[in-house]
Amino acid sequence: MKLPITIHQARLGTTEFKVIRPARPLVHAVLIDHDRHLDTYLDQDAAQRIGGLWTLAPLHRVRWSTCRCGGTVAPPHGLPEDGTRQLDLVLLHHSLQFAPSRWKEVRGRLGPGRPQTVTLSGPGHTDEAVIDHEARHYRENRDLFHQHLHAETLFMTGSAKVFRDTARHFFDVAPNGPGYVPVHPSYSRFCTELHSNDGILGDAREIHIEYCDQWDA
């Protein structure tokens, strides 16, 4: 899979930050905070590209990627109601130990970005056969997601393994969503989720991921 990105840099004091963004805006991608859980609505292109960023985020030379999910249009059933809000998304390798309170300052100092196309090896998803689901529930399991909210942004922090194992959720939506919707008129929602029973959520809420083929202007 080839993923067009831009690489941005910002410096705070003696620390330099490198941030990866998608080269084109994610127009059909919305992340909504429902307090108890999070909903993500995506079209095929957004699902594929977020899956790529999800895979890229934990790599040793990157460790950090971000995407704006407050799309310019929204799915009819996904518009925020009272008590909800749209969020942007930042993916972080846990070794960075980054404080979300510094994000606004980093974001404000990012340069224009250098275009680059990254080739991600493999089929774009993790083979279910190699995932040790039982081990996820061991007390000593450290391959967990943790979430923080700051500056209208959701920070997803985790290990390389948990990012790698869960990228498949987005890669499942990208090819299967468009074909599912036309043949299921009574329930035309193709969805998956990062569930609390999966053994991957530490201090983190569930995320519902749904394909959507109709968007309001």
Protein backbone atom coordinates (compact mmCIF):
# COMPACT_ATOMS: atom_id res chain seq x y z
CA MET A 1 0.00 0.00 0.00
CA LYS A 2 1.30 3.45 -0.95
CA LEU A 3 0.38 6.23 1.48
CA PRO A 4 1.00 9.90 0.50
CA ILE A 5 1.91 11.90 3.60
CA THR A 6 3.52 15.17 4.63
CA ILE A 7 6.23 15.33 7.29
CA HIS A 8 6.16 18.40 9.53
CA GLN A 9 8.65 19.54 12.16
CA ALA A 10 8.35 21.82 15.16
CA ARG A 11 10.80 22.78 17.90
CA LEU A 12 9.99 23.57 21.53
CA GLY A 13 13.15 24.57 23.37
CA THR A 14 15.69 21.83 22.73
CA THR A 15 13.09 19.25 21.69
CA GLU A 16 12.22 18.71 18.03
CA PHE A 17 8.95 17.04 17.10
CA LYS A 18 8.23 15.25 13.82
CA VAL A 19 4.57 14.95 12.87
CA ILE A 20 3.11 12.87 10.03
CA ARG A 21 -0.11 13.97 8.34
CA PRO A 22 -2.08 12.66 5.36
CA ALA A 23 -1.11 14.53 2.20
CA ARG A 24 -4.75 15.28 1.39
CA PRO A 25 -7.48 16.28 3.87
CA LEU A 26 -9.78 13.51 5.07
CA VAL A 27 -13.01 15.05 3.82
CA HIS A 28 -15.24 12.07 4.66
CA ALA A 29 -14.02 11.27 8.15
CA VAL A 30 -15.71 12.32 11.39
CA LEU A 31 -14.72 11.39 14.95
CA ILE A 32 -17.44 12.13 17.51
CA ASP A 33 -17.16 12.16 21.30
CA HIS A 34 -20.29 10.69 22.89
CA ASP A 35 -18.91 10.86 26.44
CA ARG A 36 -19.23 7.12 27.16
CA HIS A 37 -17.88 6.04 23.76
CA LEU A 38 -16.48 7.38 20.48
CA ASP A 39 -17.95 7.07 16.99
CA THR A 40 -15.96 7.24 13.75
CA TYR A 41 -17.70 7.58 10.38
CA LEU A 42 -15.58 6.98 7.28
CA ASP A 43 -15.82 6.49 3.56
CA GLN A 44 -13.62 3.98 1.72
CA ASP A 45 -10.73 6.37 1.07
CA ALA A 46 -10.62 7.67 4.65
CA ALA A 47 -10.73 4.15 6.11
CA GLN A 48 -7.82 3.06 3.92
CA ARG A 49 -5.70 6.09 4.74
CA ILE A 50 -6.39 6.05 8.49
CA GLY A 51 -5.52 2.34 8.46
CA GLY A 52 -2.22 3.32 6.85
CA LEU A 53 -1.55 5.99 9.46
CA TRP A 54 -2.55 3.51 12.19
CA THR A 55 0.13 1.17 10.82
CA LEU A 56 2.69 3.94 10.39
CA ALA A 57 2.24 5.56 13.82
CA PRO A 58 4.26 3.08 15.93
CA LEU A 59 7.22 2.66 13.58
CA HIS A 60 10.54 3.50 15.22
CA ARG A 61 11.38 6.44 12.96
CA VAL A 62 7.90 7.97 13.06
CA ARG A 63 6.12 7.26 16.36
CA TRP A 64 3.65 10.09 15.85
CA SER A 65 0.95 10.78 13.27
CA THR A 66 -2.05 13.04 13.23
CA CYS A 67 -5.13 13.56 11.09
CA ARG A 68 -7.96 16.03 11.09
CA CYS A 69 -11.22 14.09 11.40
CA GLY A 70 -13.52 17.10 11.52
CA GLY A 71 -14.51 16.60 7.88
CA THR A 72 -16.02 19.39 5.83
CA VAL A 73 -19.15 17.29 5.37
CA ALA A 74 -20.84 14.77 7.66
CA PRO A 75 -22.99 11.64 7.41
CA PRO A 76 -26.71 12.36 7.99
CA HIS A 77 -26.95 10.14 11.09
CA GLY A 78 -23.54 11.19 12.41
CA LEU A 79 -24.04 14.87 13.07
CA PRO A 80 -23.20 15.80 16.66
CA GLU A 81 -26.16 16.40 18.92
CA ASP A 82 -26.24 18.09 22.32
CA GLY A 83 -23.51 16.80 24.60
CA THR A 84 -21.23 15.62 21.76
CA ARG A 85 -18.31 17.17 19.91
CA GLN A 86 -16.12 16.47 16.90
CA LEU A 87 -12.48 15.65 17.54
CA ASP A 88 -9.21 15.48 15.67
CA LEU A 89 -6.99 12.44 16.12
CA VAL A 90 -3.34 12.03 17.15
CA LEU A 91 -1.66 8.60 17.25
CA LEU A 92 1.37 8.24 19.52
CA HIS A 93 3.87 5.53 20.36
CA HIS A 94 3.84 5.16 24.16
CA SER A 95 7.61 5.61 24.44
CA LEU A 96 7.25 9.30 23.57
CA GLN A 97 5.59 10.07 26.92
CA PHE A 98 4.17 13.20 25.31
CA ALA A 99 2.03 15.56 27.40
CA PRO A 100 -1.17 16.43 25.45
CA SER A 101 -1.15 19.86 27.12
CA ARG A 102 1.78 20.75 24.83
CA TRP A 103 -0.10 19.86 21.64
CA LYS A 104 -1.50 23.33 20.85
CA GLU A 105 1.99 24.80 21.06
CA VAL A 106 3.47 22.06 18.87
CA ARG A 107 0.62 22.35 16.36
CA GLY A 108 1.09 26.11 16.13
CA ARG A 109 4.78 25.73 15.25
CA LEU A 110 4.54 23.05 12.58
CA GLY A 111 6.24 23.89 9.32
CA PRO A 112 4.59 23.59 5.88
CA GLY A 113 5.46 19.92 5.56
CA ARG A 114 7.57 17.86 3.17
CA PRO A 115 5.62 15.56 0.80
CA GLN A 116 6.55 11.90 0.82
CA THR A 117 4.98 8.61 -0.25
CA VAL A 118 5.41 5.71 2.15
CA THR A 119 5.11 2.10 1.02
CA LEU A 120 3.67 -0.11 3.74
CA SER A 121 4.63 -3.76 3.40
CA GLY A 122 2.21 -6.65 3.63
CA PRO A 123 -1.49 -6.88 2.79
CA GLY A 124 -2.40 -3.99 5.08
CA HIS A 125 -3.82 -6.05 7.94
CA THR A 126 -2.65 -8.43 10.63
CA ASP A 127 -3.32 -12.12 10.21
CA GLU A 128 -5.85 -13.14 12.87
CA ALA A 129 -4.01 -16.43 13.30
CA VAL A 130 -0.96 -14.72 14.80
CA ILE A 131 -2.85 -12.58 17.33
CA ASP A 132 -2.77 -14.08 20.80
CA HIS A 133 -6.21 -12.93 21.99
CA GLU A 134 -5.95 -14.83 25.27
CA ALA A 135 -2.69 -13.12 26.21
CA ARG A 136 -4.39 -9.74 25.89
CA HIS A 137 -6.27 -10.44 29.11
CA TYR A 138 -3.19 -11.28 31.18
CA ARG A 139 -2.61 -8.87 34.05
CA GLU A 140 0.89 -8.08 32.82
CA ASN A 141 -0.33 -7.16 29.32
CA ARG A 142 1.20 -3.80 28.38
CA ASP A 143 -0.05 -3.71 24.78
CA LEU A 144 -2.98 -1.44 25.57
CA PHE A 145 -4.41 1.79 24.23
CA HIS A 146 -4.69 4.82 26.47
CA GLN A 147 -6.59 7.96 25.57
CA HIS A 148 -6.40 11.63 26.53
CA LEU A 149 -8.53 14.54 25.40
CA HIS A 150 -7.06 18.00 24.96
CA ALA A 151 -7.69 20.93 22.61
CA GLU A 152 -10.57 19.11 20.84
CA THR A 153 -8.17 16.28 20.02
CA LEU A 154 -8.20 12.59 20.92
CA PHE A 155 -4.73 11.24 21.70
CA MET A 156 -4.45 7.48 21.14
CA THR A 157 -1.28 6.15 22.78
CA GLY A 158 -0.14 2.56 22.50
CA SER A 159 2.59 0.06 21.70
CA ALA A 160 3.67 -0.95 18.21
CA LYS A 161 1.93 -4.29 18.70
CA VAL A 162 -1.48 -2.93 19.65
CA PHE A 163 -1.46 -0.46 16.73
CA ARG A 164 -0.37 -3.23 14.35
CA ASP A 165 -2.99 -5.70 15.62
CA THR A 166 -5.89 -3.24 15.36
CA ALA A 167 -5.17 -1.55 12.01
CA ARG A 168 -7.21 -4.38 10.45
CA HIS A 169 -10.43 -2.74 11.65
CA PHE A 170 -9.93 0.12 9.19
CA PHE A 171 -8.64 -2.15 6.43
CA ASP A 172 -11.77 -4.33 6.81
CA VAL A 173 -14.07 -1.31 6.43
CA ALA A 174 -12.30 0.01 3.31
CA PRO A 175 -12.91 -2.99 0.97
CA ASN A 176 -16.04 -4.45 2.55
CA GLY A 177 -18.13 -1.38 3.35
CA PRO A 178 -18.95 -0.30 -0.24
CA GLY A 179 -20.14 -3.78 -1.22
CA TYR A 180 -22.14 -4.37 1.94
CA VAL A 181 -24.35 -1.28 1.88
CA PRO A 182 -26.18 -1.84 -1.48
CA VAL A 183 -27.20 -5.44 -0.64
CA HIS A 184 -28.40 -4.74 2.92
CA PRO A 185 -31.04 -2.02 2.49
CA SER A 186 -32.74 -2.85 5.79
CA TYR A 187 -29.51 -2.36 7.75
CA SER A 188 -26.98 -0.63 5.55
CA ARG A 189 -24.31 0.02 8.19
CA PHE A 190 -21.05 -1.88 7.90
CA CYS A 191 -19.19 -1.42 11.16
CA THR A 192 -16.59 -2.76 13.56
CA GLU A 193 -15.19 -1.52 16.84
CA LEU A 194 -12.38 -1.43 19.34
CA HIS A 195 -14.32 -3.12 22.15
CA SER A 196 -13.68 -3.27 25.88
CA ASN A 197 -13.84 -7.09 25.74
CA ASP A 198 -10.97 -7.26 23.24
CA GLY A 199 -8.31 -6.78 25.91
CA ILE A 200 -6.73 -3.81 24.10
CA LEU A 201 -8.22 -0.87 26.00
CA GLY A 202 -6.45 0.34 29.12
CA ASP A 203 -7.50 3.83 30.11
CA ALA A 204 -9.54 4.18 26.93
CA ARG A 205 -13.12 4.16 25.72
CA GLU A 206 -14.62 1.96 23.02
CA ILE A 207 -14.45 3.26 19.44
CA HIS A 208 -17.23 2.38 16.99
CA ILE A 209 -15.98 2.48 13.37
CA GLU A 210 -18.63 2.71 10.65
CA TYR A 211 -18.55 2.92 6.87
CA CYS A 212 -20.78 5.62 5.42
CA ASP A 213 -21.44 6.16 1.71
CA GLN A 214 -23.83 9.12 1.96
CA TRP A 215 -22.58 12.47 3.17
CA ASP A 216 -24.27 15.84 3.49
CA ALA A 217 -22.62 18.88 1.99
